[in-house]
PDB file of N, CA and C in Angstrom:
ATOM      1  N   MET A   1      88.099  82.950  95.886  1.00  0.00           N
ATOM      2  CA  MET A   1      88.934  83.580  94.876  1.00  0.00           C
ATOM      3  C   MET A   1      88.488  85.011  94.617  1.00  0.00           C
ATOM      4  N   GLY A   2      87.180  85.237  94.626  1.00  0.00           N
ATOM      5  CA  GLY A   2      86.665  86.571  94.372  1.00  0.00           C
ATOM      6  C   GLY A   2      87.099  87.572  95.415  1.00  0.00           C
ATOM      7  N   HIS A   3      87.178  87.114  96.664  1.00  0.00           N
ATOM      8  CA  HIS A   3      87.599  88.026  97.721  1.00  0.00           C
ATOM      9  C   HIS A   3      89.052  88.440  97.535  1.00  0.00           C
ATOM     10  N   LEU A   4      89.878  87.542  97.038  1.00  0.00           N
ATOM     11  CA  LEU A   4      91.275  87.889  96.770  1.00  0.00           C
ATOM     12  C   LEU A   4      91.369  88.944  95.679  1.00  0.00           C
ATOM     13  N   LEU A   5      90.554  88.803  94.638  1.00  0.00           N
ATOM     14  CA  LEU A   5      90.552  89.797  93.567  1.00  0.00           C
ATOM     15  C   LEU A   5      90.114  91.162  94.082  1.00  0.00           C
ATOM     16  N   ASP A   6      89.166  91.171  95.012  1.00  0.00           N
ATOM     17  CA  ASP A   6      88.697  92.438  95.567  1.00  0.00           C
ATOM     18  C   ASP A   6      89.770  93.123  96.404  1.00  0.00           C
ATOM     19  N   GLN A   7      90.653  92.349  96.998  1.00  0.00           N
ATOM     20  CA  GLN A   7      91.696  92.921  97.858  1.00  0.00           C
ATOM     21  C   GLN A   7      92.850  93.525  97.066  1.00  0.00           C
ATOM     22  N   VAL A   8      93.030  93.096  95.820  1.00  0.00           N
ATOM     23  CA  VAL A   8      94.109  93.629  94.986  1.00  0.00           C
ATOM     24  C   VAL A   8      93.638  94.947  94.381  1.00  0.00           C
ATOM     25  N   SER A   9      94.441  95.989  94.531  1.00  0.00           N
ATOM     26  CA  SER A   9      94.033  97.306  94.030  1.00  0.00           C
ATOM     27  C   SER A   9      94.162  97.377  92.506  1.00  0.00           C
ATOM     28  N   TRP A  10      93.317  98.217  91.918  1.00  0.00           N
ATOM     29  CA  TRP A  10      93.378  98.433  90.473  1.00  0.00           C
ATOM     30  C   TRP A  10      94.721  99.017  90.069  1.00  0.00           C
ATOM     31  N   LEU A  11      95.259  99.895  90.901  1.00  0.00           N
ATOM     32  CA  LEU A  11      96.546 100.517  90.594  1.00  0.00           C
ATOM     33  C   LEU A  11      97.647  99.470  90.486  1.00  0.00           C
ATOM     34  N   LEU A  12      97.649  98.508  91.394  1.00  0.00           N
ATOM     35  CA  LEU A  12      98.656  97.446  91.356  1.00  0.00           C
ATOM     36  C   LEU A  12      98.507  96.596  90.097  1.00  0.00           C
ATOM     37  N   VAL A  13      97.287  96.256  89.744  1.00  0.00           N
ATOM     38  CA  VAL A  13      97.049  95.429  88.557  1.00  0.00           C
ATOM     39  C   VAL A  13      97.500  96.161  87.295  1.00  0.00           C
ATOM     40  N   VAL A  14      97.156  97.430  87.180  1.00  0.00           N
ATOM     41  CA  VAL A  14      97.562  98.217  86.012  1.00  0.00           C
ATOM     42  C   VAL A  14      99.081  98.381  85.982  1.00  0.00           C
ATOM     43  N   ALA A  15      99.695  98.599  87.143  1.00  0.00           N
ATOM     44  CA  ALA A  15     101.155  98.723  87.205  1.00  0.00           C
ATOM     45  C   ALA A  15     101.832  97.419  86.792  1.00  0.00           C
ATOM     46  N   LEU A  16     101.291  96.286  87.221  1.00  0.00           N
ATOM     47  CA  LEU A  16     101.856  94.990  86.820  1.00  0.00           C
ATOM     48  C   LEU A  16     101.739  94.778  85.313  1.00  0.00           C
ATOM     49  N   CYS A  17     100.605  95.148  84.738  1.00  0.00           N
ATOM     50  CA  CYS A  17     100.428  95.006  83.291  1.00  0.00           C
ATOM     51  C   CYS A  17     101.383  95.912  82.522  1.00  0.00           C
ATOM     52  N   ALA A  18     101.572  97.129  83.018  1.00  0.00           N
ATOM     53  CA  ALA A  18     102.428  98.092  82.326  1.00  0.00           C
ATOM     54  C   ALA A  18     103.908  97.749  82.450  1.00  0.00           C
ATOM     55  N   THR A  19     104.290  97.055  83.508  1.00  0.00           N
ATOM     56  CA  THR A  19     105.710  96.734  83.693  1.00  0.00           C
ATOM     57  C   THR A  19     105.987  95.284  83.307  1.00  0.00           C
ATOM     58  N   LEU A  20     105.607  94.345  84.143  1.00  0.00           N
ATOM     59  CA  LEU A  20     105.891  92.931  83.896  1.00  0.00           C
ATOM     60  C   LEU A  20     105.135  92.411  82.674  1.00  0.00           C
ATOM     61  N   GLY A  21     103.917  92.852  82.497  1.00  0.00           N
ATOM     62  CA  GLY A  21     103.109  92.370  81.384  1.00  0.00           C
ATOM     63  C   GLY A  21     103.595  92.815  80.024  1.00  0.00           C
ATOM     64  N   LEU A  22     104.285  93.929  79.957  1.00  0.00           N
ATOM     65  CA  LEU A  22     104.763  94.447  78.670  1.00  0.00           C
ATOM     66  C   LEU A  22     106.276  94.389  78.500  1.00  0.00           C
ATOM     67  N   SER A  23     107.001  93.900  79.489  1.00  0.00           N
ATOM     68  CA  SER A  23     108.460  93.894  79.360  1.00  0.00           C
ATOM     69  C   SER A  23     108.924  92.727  78.503  1.00  0.00           C
ATOM     70  N   PRO A  24     110.018  92.812  77.828  1.00  0.00           N
ATOM     71  CA  PRO A  24     110.762  94.027  77.516  1.00  0.00           C
ATOM     72  C   PRO A  24     110.018  94.821  76.442  1.00  0.00           C
ATOM     73  N   TYR A  25     110.180  96.106  76.467  1.00  0.00           N
ATOM     74  CA  TYR A  25     109.441  96.975  75.553  1.00  0.00           C
ATOM     75  C   TYR A  25     109.988  96.914  74.133  1.00  0.00           C
ATOM     76  N   VAL A  26     111.288  96.642  74.006  1.00  0.00           N
ATOM     77  CA  VAL A  26     111.939  96.643  72.691  1.00  0.00           C
ATOM     78  C   VAL A  26     112.583  95.293  72.475  1.00  0.00           C
ATOM     79  N   PRO A  27     112.462  94.618  71.404  1.00  0.00           N
ATOM     80  CA  PRO A  27     111.771  95.002  70.171  1.00  0.00           C
ATOM     81  C   PRO A  27     110.261  94.800  70.246  1.00  0.00           C
ATOM     82  N   GLU A  28     109.787  93.838  71.050  1.00  0.00           N
ATOM     83  CA  GLU A  28     108.351  93.658  71.281  1.00  0.00           C
ATOM     84  C   GLU A  28     108.170  92.931  72.606  1.00  0.00           C
ATOM     85  N   PRO A  29     107.037  93.142  73.258  1.00  0.00           N
ATOM     86  CA  PRO A  29     106.800  92.464  74.543  1.00  0.00           C
ATOM     87  C   PRO A  29     106.827  90.941  74.393  1.00  0.00           C
ATOM     88  N   HIS A  30     107.386  90.270  75.394  1.00  0.00           N
ATOM     89  CA  HIS A  30     107.495  88.812  75.352  1.00  0.00           C
ATOM     90  C   HIS A  30     106.140  88.144  75.236  1.00  0.00           C
ATOM     91  N   VAL A  31     105.138  88.673  75.926  1.00  0.00           N
ATOM     92  CA  VAL A  31     103.815  88.042  75.874  1.00  0.00           C
ATOM     93  C   VAL A  31     103.279  88.066  74.444  1.00  0.00           C
ATOM     94  N   TRP A  32     103.480  89.164  73.734  1.00  0.00           N
ATOM     95  CA  TRP A  32     103.028  89.272  72.350  1.00  0.00           C
ATOM     96  C   TRP A  32     103.822  88.318  71.457  1.00  0.00           C
ATOM     97  N   GLN A  33     105.130  88.265  71.671  1.00  0.00           N
ATOM     98  CA  GLN A  33     105.998  87.384  70.891  1.00  0.00           C
ATOM     99  C   GLN A  33     105.582  85.917  71.059  1.00  0.00           C
ATOM    100  N   LYS A  34     105.325  85.507  72.290  1.00  0.00           N
ATOM    101  CA  LYS A  34     104.946  84.112  72.552  1.00  0.00           C
ATOM    102  C   LYS A  34     103.561  83.801  71.980  1.00  0.00           C
ATOM    103  N   LEU A  35     102.634  84.746  72.061  1.00  0.00           N
ATOM    104  CA  LEU A  35     101.309  84.531  71.481  1.00  0.00           C
ATOM    105  C   LEU A  35     101.385  84.390  69.961  1.00  0.00           C
ATOM    106  N   MET A  36     102.248  85.167  69.321  1.00  0.00           N
ATOM    107  CA  MET A  36     102.426  85.060  67.874  1.00  0.00           C
ATOM    108  C   MET A  36     103.085  83.730  67.503  1.00  0.00           C
ATOM    109  N   MET A  37     103.998  83.250  68.356  1.00  0.00           N
ATOM    110  CA  MET A  37     104.613  81.940  68.126  1.00  0.00           C
ATOM    111  C   MET A  37     103.553  80.841  68.205  1.00  0.00           C
ATOM    112  N   LEU A  38     102.662  80.934  69.192  1.00  0.00           N
ATOM    113  CA  LEU A  38     101.578  79.958  69.322  1.00  0.00           C
ATOM    114  C   LEU A  38     100.647  80.006  68.115  1.00  0.00           C
ATOM    115  N   ARG A  39     100.331  81.208  67.698  1.00  0.00           N
ATOM    116  CA  ARG A  39      99.439  81.390  66.553  1.00  0.00           C
ATOM    117  C   ARG A  39     100.034  80.797  65.282  1.00  0.00           C
ATOM    118  N   ALA A  40     101.359  80.936  65.134  1.00  0.00           N
ATOM    119  CA  ALA A  40     102.043  80.414  63.951  1.00  0.00           C
ATOM    120  C   ALA A  40     102.241  78.902  64.022  1.00  0.00           C
ATOM    121  N   GLY A  41     101.997  78.326  65.188  1.00  0.00           N
ATOM    122  CA  GLY A  41     102.166  76.891  65.337  1.00  0.00           C
ATOM    123  C   GLY A  41     103.593  76.469  65.622  1.00  0.00           C
ATOM    124  N   ALA A  42     104.431  77.428  65.993  1.00  0.00           N
ATOM    125  CA  ALA A  42     105.828  77.113  66.304  1.00  0.00           C
ATOM    126  C   ALA A  42     105.902  76.339  67.615  1.00  0.00           C
ATOM    127  N   PRO A  43     106.772  75.335  67.672  1.00  0.00           N
ATOM    128  CA  PRO A  43     106.913  74.593  68.934  1.00  0.00           C
ATOM    129  C   PRO A  43     107.553  75.477  70.004  1.00  0.00           C
ATOM    130  N   LEU A  44     107.037  75.391  71.214  1.00  0.00           N
ATOM    131  CA  LEU A  44     107.555  76.197  72.310  1.00  0.00           C
ATOM    132  C   LEU A  44     108.341  75.318  73.270  1.00  0.00           C
ATOM    133  N   ALA A  45     109.499  75.817  73.679  1.00  0.00           N
ATOM    134  CA  ALA A  45     110.305  75.137  74.690  1.00  0.00           C
ATOM    135  C   ALA A  45     109.717  75.459  76.066  1.00  0.00           C
ATOM    136  N   MET A  46     110.170  74.756  77.076  1.00  0.00           N
ATOM    137  CA  MET A  46     109.672  74.989  78.438  1.00  0.00           C
ATOM    138  C   MET A  46     109.898  76.432  78.879  1.00  0.00           C
ATOM    139  N   ILE A  47     111.028  77.019  78.507  1.00  0.00           N
ATOM    140  CA  ILE A  47     111.307  78.406  78.894  1.00  0.00           C
ATOM    141  C   ILE A  47     110.299  79.356  78.249  1.00  0.00           C
ATOM    142  N   ASP A  48     109.840  79.024  77.048  1.00  0.00           N
ATOM    143  CA  ASP A  48     108.837  79.855  76.381  1.00  0.00           C
ATOM    144  C   ASP A  48     107.495  79.790  77.108  1.00  0.00           C
ATOM    145  N   TRP A  49     107.116  78.603  77.580  1.00  0.00           N
ATOM    146  CA  TRP A  49     105.875  78.464  78.343  1.00  0.00           C
ATOM    147  C   TRP A  49     105.962  79.224  79.663  1.00  0.00           C
ATOM    148  N   PHE A  50     107.131  79.132  80.316  1.00  0.00           N
ATOM    149  CA  PHE A  50     107.334  79.876  81.557  1.00  0.00           C
ATOM    150  C   PHE A  50     107.249  81.372  81.291  1.00  0.00           C
ATOM    151  N   ASP A  51     107.885  81.814  80.216  1.00  0.00           N
ATOM    152  CA  ASP A  51     107.872  83.229  79.832  1.00  0.00           C
ATOM    153  C   ASP A  51     106.448  83.704  79.552  1.00  0.00           C
ATOM    154  N   LEU A  52     105.680  82.891  78.846  1.00  0.00           N
ATOM    155  CA  LEU A  52     104.290  83.242  78.546  1.00  0.00           C
ATOM    156  C   LEU A  52     103.469  83.347  79.827  1.00  0.00           C
ATOM    157  N   ALA A  53     103.675  82.413  80.744  1.00  0.00           N
ATOM    158  CA  ALA A  53     102.951  82.452  82.019  1.00  0.00           C
ATOM    159  C   ALA A  53     103.356  83.667  82.847  1.00  0.00           C
ATOM    160  N   LEU A  54     104.647  83.940  82.911  1.00  0.00           N
ATOM    161  CA  LEU A  54     105.145  85.060  83.708  1.00  0.00           C
ATOM    162  C   LEU A  54     104.624  86.397  83.195  1.00  0.00           C
ATOM    163  N   HIS A  55     104.714  86.613  81.893  1.00  0.00           N
ATOM    164  CA  HIS A  55     104.299  87.897  81.324  1.00  0.00           C
ATOM    165  C   HIS A  55     102.796  87.957  81.055  1.00  0.00           C
ATOM    166  N   GLY A  56     102.127  86.803  81.034  1.00  0.00           N
ATOM    167  CA  GLY A  56     100.689  86.781  80.804  1.00  0.00           C
ATOM    168  C   GLY A  56      99.859  86.871  82.071  1.00  0.00           C
ATOM    169  N   LEU A  57     100.446  86.506  83.203  1.00  0.00           N
ATOM    170  CA  LEU A  57      99.709  86.506  84.465  1.00  0.00           C
ATOM    171  C   LEU A  57      99.100  87.869  84.823  1.00  0.00           C
ATOM    172  N   PRO A  58      99.819  88.985  84.664  1.00  0.00           N
ATOM    173  CA  PRO A  58      99.178  90.277  84.969  1.00  0.00           C
ATOM    174  C   PRO A  58      97.938  90.540  84.110  1.00  0.00           C
ATOM    175  N   TRP A  59      97.967  90.106  82.852  1.00  0.00           N
ATOM    176  CA  TRP A  59      96.823  90.317  81.966  1.00  0.00           C
ATOM    177  C   TRP A  59      95.647  89.434  82.364  1.00  0.00           C
ATOM    178  N   ILE A  60      95.936  88.210  82.796  1.00  0.00           N
ATOM    179  CA  ILE A  60      94.878  87.316  83.284  1.00  0.00           C
ATOM    180  C   ILE A  60      94.248  87.897  84.545  1.00  0.00           C
ATOM    181  N   LEU A  61      95.083  88.434  85.419  1.00  0.00           N
ATOM    182  CA  LEU A  61      94.594  89.075  86.641  1.00  0.00           C
ATOM    183  C   LEU A  61      93.708  90.274  86.303  1.00  0.00           C
ATOM    184  N   LEU A  62      94.128  91.074  85.332  1.00  0.00           N
ATOM    185  CA  LEU A  62      93.337  92.230  84.903  1.00  0.00           C
ATOM    186  C   LEU A  62      91.978  91.789  84.352  1.00  0.00           C
ATOM    187  N   LEU A  63      91.970  90.768  83.502  1.00  0.00           N
ATOM    188  CA  LEU A  63      90.707  90.278  82.938  1.00  0.00           C
ATOM    189  C   LEU A  63      89.795  89.702  84.013  1.00  0.00           C
ATOM    190  N   ALA A  64      90.365  88.977  84.968  1.00  0.00           N
ATOM    191  CA  ALA A  64      89.561  88.407  86.054  1.00  0.00           C
ATOM    192  C   ALA A  64      88.958  89.505  86.921  1.00  0.00           C
ATOM    193  N   LYS A  65      89.761  90.507  87.253  1.00  0.00           N
ATOM    194  CA  LYS A  65      89.278  91.607  88.093  1.00  0.00           C
ATOM    195  C   LYS A  65      88.220  92.427  87.345  1.00  0.00           C
ATOM    196  N   LEU A  66      88.452  92.667  86.076  1.00  0.00           N
ATOM    197  CA  LEU A  66      87.493  93.408  85.260  1.00  0.00           C
ATOM    198  C   LEU A  66      86.186  92.619  85.108  1.00  0.00           C
ATOM    199  N   GLY A  67      86.292  91.328  84.850  1.00  0.00           N
ATOM    200  CA  GLY A  67      85.099  90.486  84.735  1.00  0.00           C
ATOM    201  C   GLY A  67      84.302  90.463  86.019  1.00  0.00           C
ATOM    202  N   ARG A  68      84.995  90.363  87.142  1.00  0.00           N
ATOM    203  CA  ARG A  68      84.302  90.360  88.439  1.00  0.00           C
ATOM    204  C   ARG A  68      83.603  91.696  88.681  1.00  0.00           C
ATOM    205  N   ALA A  69      84.262  92.803  88.319  1.00  0.00           N
ATOM    206  CA  ALA A  69      83.658  94.123  88.513  1.00  0.00           C
ATOM    207  C   ALA A  69      82.410  94.281  87.644  1.00  0.00           C
ATOM    208  N   VAL A  70      82.462  93.796  86.416  1.00  0.00           N
ATOM    209  CA  VAL A  70      81.310  93.901  85.514  1.00  0.00           C
ATOM    210  C   VAL A  70      80.156  93.038  86.024  1.00  0.00           C
ATOM    211  N   LEU A  71      80.455  91.821  86.451  1.00  0.00           N
ATOM    212  CA  LEU A  71      79.402  90.940  86.968  1.00  0.00           C
ATOM    213  C   LEU A  71      78.780  91.485  88.245  1.00  0.00           C
ATOM    214  N   ARG A  72      79.602  92.055  89.104  1.00  0.00           N
ATOM    215  CA  ARG A  72      79.075  92.618  90.352  1.00  0.00           C
ATOM    216  C   ARG A  72      78.218  93.842  90.073  1.00  0.00           C
ATOM    217  N   ARG A  73      78.599  94.619  89.071  1.00  0.00           N
ATOM    218  CA  ARG A  73      77.818  95.802  88.717  1.00  0.00           C
ATOM    219  C   ARG A  73      76.459  95.396  88.153  1.00  0.00           C
ATOM    220  N   GLY A  74      76.421  94.293  87.397  1.00  0.00           N
ATOM    221  CA  GLY A  74      75.170  93.822  86.800  1.00  0.00           C
ATOM    222  C   GLY A  74      74.192  93.253  87.802  1.00  0.00           C
ATOM    223  N   THR A  75      74.666  92.791  88.949  1.00  0.00           N
ATOM    224  CA  THR A  75      73.775  92.192  89.943  1.00  0.00           C
ATOM    225  C   THR A  75      73.217  93.216  90.918  1.00  0.00           C
ATOM    226  N   ARG A  76      73.686  94.412  90.861  1.00  0.00           N
ATOM    227  CA  ARG A  76      73.195  95.444  91.792  1.00  0.00           C
ATOM    228  C   ARG A  76      71.953  96.104  91.291  1.00  0.00           C
TER     229      ARG A  76
END
């Protein structure tokens, strides 16, 4: 898995977060809306879970790549 993260460029990850991760921009990003629904305890339909996964995946990828970079820097 780590080798796959190394092959993905930082530019692509940032571009995915800025586009898919934050869309739609108005009135608020879907990922933020779904996280607030979860926080409030609102029941989520299957489409909401799919939406959260779709718009959250770029952020998970960013955190994984960032975590791997930090861990690799610490071992050198």
